[in-house]
């Protein structure tokens, strides 16, 4: 079965569904190793993040 980078990122809590179609296309092409790096960075950032964070979402 082929590696699904978007599914792997989504499962790790990345907000890939908020990306543009073009950004999703780029992210889908990531290798397993690249996704692993992003997930490790996210975990490290999450460890030092405050308990409550605001989210900025632009709606057009």
N, C-alpha and C. Protein backbone atom coordinates (compact mmCIF):
# COMPACT_ATOMS: atom_id res chain seq x y z
N UNK A 1 0.84 -1.18 0.00
CA UNK A 1 0.00 0.00 0.00
C UNK A 1 0.89 1.24 0.00
N UNK A 2 0.54 2.21 -0.79
CA UNK A 2 1.33 3.43 -0.92
C UNK A 2 1.19 4.30 0.32
N UNK A 3 2.24 5.01 0.64
CA UNK A 3 2.25 5.91 1.79
C UNK A 3 1.37 7.12 1.52
N UNK A 4 0.50 7.45 2.46
CA UNK A 4 -0.39 8.60 2.34
C UNK A 4 0.09 9.66 3.32
N UNK A 5 0.85 10.61 2.82
CA UNK A 5 1.45 11.63 3.67
C UNK A 5 0.39 12.49 4.35
N UNK A 6 -0.66 12.87 3.64
CA UNK A 6 -1.70 13.70 4.24
C UNK A 6 -2.39 12.98 5.38
N UNK A 7 -2.69 11.71 5.20
CA UNK A 7 -3.34 10.94 6.27
C UNK A 7 -2.42 10.82 7.47
N UNK A 8 -1.14 10.61 7.23
CA UNK A 8 -0.18 10.49 8.34
C UNK A 8 -0.05 11.81 9.09
N UNK A 9 -0.01 12.91 8.37
CA UNK A 9 0.08 14.22 9.00
C UNK A 9 -1.20 14.52 9.78
N UNK A 10 -2.34 14.24 9.17
CA UNK A 10 -3.63 14.47 9.82
C UNK A 10 -3.73 13.66 11.11
N UNK A 11 -3.31 12.41 11.08
CA UNK A 11 -3.35 11.54 12.25
C UNK A 11 -2.48 12.05 13.38
N UNK A 12 -1.45 12.81 13.04
CA UNK A 12 -0.55 13.36 14.05
C UNK A 12 -0.98 14.74 14.52
N UNK A 13 -2.12 15.22 14.04
CA UNK A 13 -2.65 16.48 14.52
C UNK A 13 -2.32 17.70 13.69
N UNK A 14 -1.72 17.49 12.53
CA UNK A 14 -1.46 18.63 11.64
C UNK A 14 -2.78 19.03 10.97
N UNK A 15 -2.99 20.30 10.81
CA UNK A 15 -4.23 20.81 10.25
C UNK A 15 -4.15 20.89 8.72
N UNK A 16 -3.92 19.77 8.09
CA UNK A 16 -3.72 19.75 6.64
C UNK A 16 -4.99 20.10 5.87
N UNK A 17 -6.15 19.94 6.49
CA UNK A 17 -7.39 20.24 5.79
C UNK A 17 -7.60 21.74 5.58
N UNK A 18 -6.82 22.56 6.27
CA UNK A 18 -6.91 24.01 6.10
C UNK A 18 -5.98 24.52 4.99
N UNK A 19 -5.19 23.64 4.42
CA UNK A 19 -4.26 24.03 3.36
C UNK A 19 -5.00 24.22 2.04
N UNK A 20 -4.40 25.00 1.17
CA UNK A 20 -4.95 25.14 -0.18
C UNK A 20 -4.72 23.84 -0.95
N UNK A 21 -5.39 23.69 -2.06
CA UNK A 21 -5.21 22.50 -2.89
C UNK A 21 -3.75 22.36 -3.33
N UNK A 22 -3.14 23.48 -3.65
CA UNK A 22 -1.73 23.44 -4.09
C UNK A 22 -0.81 23.01 -2.94
N UNK A 23 -1.09 23.52 -1.74
CA UNK A 23 -0.28 23.14 -0.59
C UNK A 23 -0.47 21.66 -0.25
N UNK A 24 -1.70 21.18 -0.35
CA UNK A 24 -1.97 19.76 -0.10
C UNK A 24 -1.21 18.88 -1.09
N UNK A 25 -1.15 19.33 -2.32
CA UNK A 25 -0.43 18.56 -3.35
C UNK A 25 1.05 18.42 -2.99
N UNK A 26 1.62 19.51 -2.53
CA UNK A 26 3.03 19.48 -2.11
C UNK A 26 3.21 18.55 -0.91
N UNK A 27 2.33 18.70 0.08
CA UNK A 27 2.44 17.89 1.30
C UNK A 27 2.24 16.40 1.00
N UNK A 28 1.36 16.09 0.05
CA UNK A 28 1.10 14.70 -0.31
C UNK A 28 2.34 14.03 -0.89
N UNK A 29 3.22 14.81 -1.45
CA UNK A 29 4.43 14.26 -2.07
C UNK A 29 5.57 14.02 -1.08
N UNK A 30 5.37 14.37 0.19
CA UNK A 30 6.41 14.16 1.19
C UNK A 30 6.67 12.67 1.40
N UNK A 31 7.91 12.35 1.69
CA UNK A 31 8.27 10.97 1.99
C UNK A 31 7.94 10.66 3.45
N UNK A 32 8.00 9.39 3.80
CA UNK A 32 7.78 8.99 5.19
C UNK A 32 8.80 9.65 6.11
N UNK A 33 10.04 9.75 5.67
CA UNK A 33 11.07 10.39 6.49
C UNK A 33 10.77 11.87 6.70
N UNK A 34 10.31 12.55 5.67
CA UNK A 34 9.98 13.97 5.79
C UNK A 34 8.80 14.19 6.74
N UNK A 35 7.80 13.33 6.64
CA UNK A 35 6.66 13.42 7.54
C UNK A 35 7.10 13.16 8.97
N UNK A 36 7.99 12.20 9.15
CA UNK A 36 8.52 11.90 10.48
C UNK A 36 9.20 13.12 11.09
N UNK A 37 9.98 13.84 10.29
CA UNK A 37 10.64 15.06 10.78
C UNK A 37 9.61 16.10 11.19
N UNK A 38 8.60 16.32 10.37
CA UNK A 38 7.56 17.28 10.71
C UNK A 38 6.83 16.88 11.99
N UNK A 39 6.56 15.59 12.15
CA UNK A 39 5.88 15.12 13.35
C UNK A 39 6.74 15.30 14.59
N UNK A 40 8.03 15.06 14.47
CA UNK A 40 8.92 15.25 15.62
C UNK A 40 9.01 16.73 15.99
N UNK A 41 9.06 17.60 15.01
CA UNK A 41 9.09 19.04 15.28
C UNK A 41 7.79 19.46 15.96
N UNK A 42 6.65 18.98 15.45
CA UNK A 42 5.36 19.32 16.04
C UNK A 42 5.30 18.87 17.49
N UNK A 43 5.74 17.65 17.79
CA UNK A 43 5.73 17.16 19.17
C UNK A 43 6.56 18.06 20.08
N UNK A 44 7.73 18.47 19.61
CA UNK A 44 8.59 19.34 20.41
C UNK A 44 7.94 20.70 20.66
N UNK A 45 7.31 21.26 19.63
CA UNK A 45 6.62 22.53 19.79
C UNK A 45 5.43 22.39 20.73
N UNK A 46 4.69 21.29 20.60
CA UNK A 46 3.54 21.06 21.48
C UNK A 46 3.96 20.94 22.94
N UNK A 47 5.14 20.37 23.19
CA UNK A 47 5.63 20.20 24.55
C UNK A 47 5.87 21.53 25.26
N UNK A 48 6.20 22.56 24.52
CA UNK A 48 6.51 23.86 25.15
C UNK A 48 5.39 24.88 24.95
N UNK A 49 4.32 24.48 24.30
CA UNK A 49 3.20 25.40 24.05
C UNK A 49 2.41 25.60 25.33
N UNK A 50 1.83 26.79 25.49
CA UNK A 50 0.96 27.02 26.65
C UNK A 50 -0.28 26.12 26.57
N UNK A 51 -0.95 25.95 27.70
CA UNK A 51 -2.13 25.08 27.75
C UNK A 51 -3.25 25.58 26.85
N UNK A 52 -3.40 26.89 26.75
CA UNK A 52 -4.47 27.47 25.92
C UNK A 52 -3.82 28.39 24.89
N UNK A 53 -4.18 28.17 23.64
CA UNK A 53 -3.62 28.98 22.57
C UNK A 53 -4.76 29.47 21.68
N UNK A 54 -4.61 30.68 21.20
CA UNK A 54 -5.55 31.19 20.21
C UNK A 54 -5.16 30.70 18.83
N UNK A 55 -6.11 30.55 17.97
CA UNK A 55 -5.84 30.13 16.60
C UNK A 55 -6.30 31.22 15.66
N UNK A 56 -5.45 31.56 14.73
CA UNK A 56 -5.82 32.57 13.74
C UNK A 56 -6.19 31.84 12.46
N UNK A 57 -7.42 32.00 12.05
CA UNK A 57 -7.90 31.38 10.82
C UNK A 57 -8.47 32.48 9.96
N UNK A 58 -7.99 32.57 8.74
CA UNK A 58 -8.50 33.57 7.80
C UNK A 58 -9.57 32.92 6.93
N UNK A 59 -10.73 33.51 6.92
CA UNK A 59 -11.83 33.01 6.11
C UNK A 59 -12.10 34.02 5.02
N UNK A 60 -12.10 33.53 3.80
CA UNK A 60 -12.32 34.44 2.67
C UNK A 60 -13.69 34.24 2.09
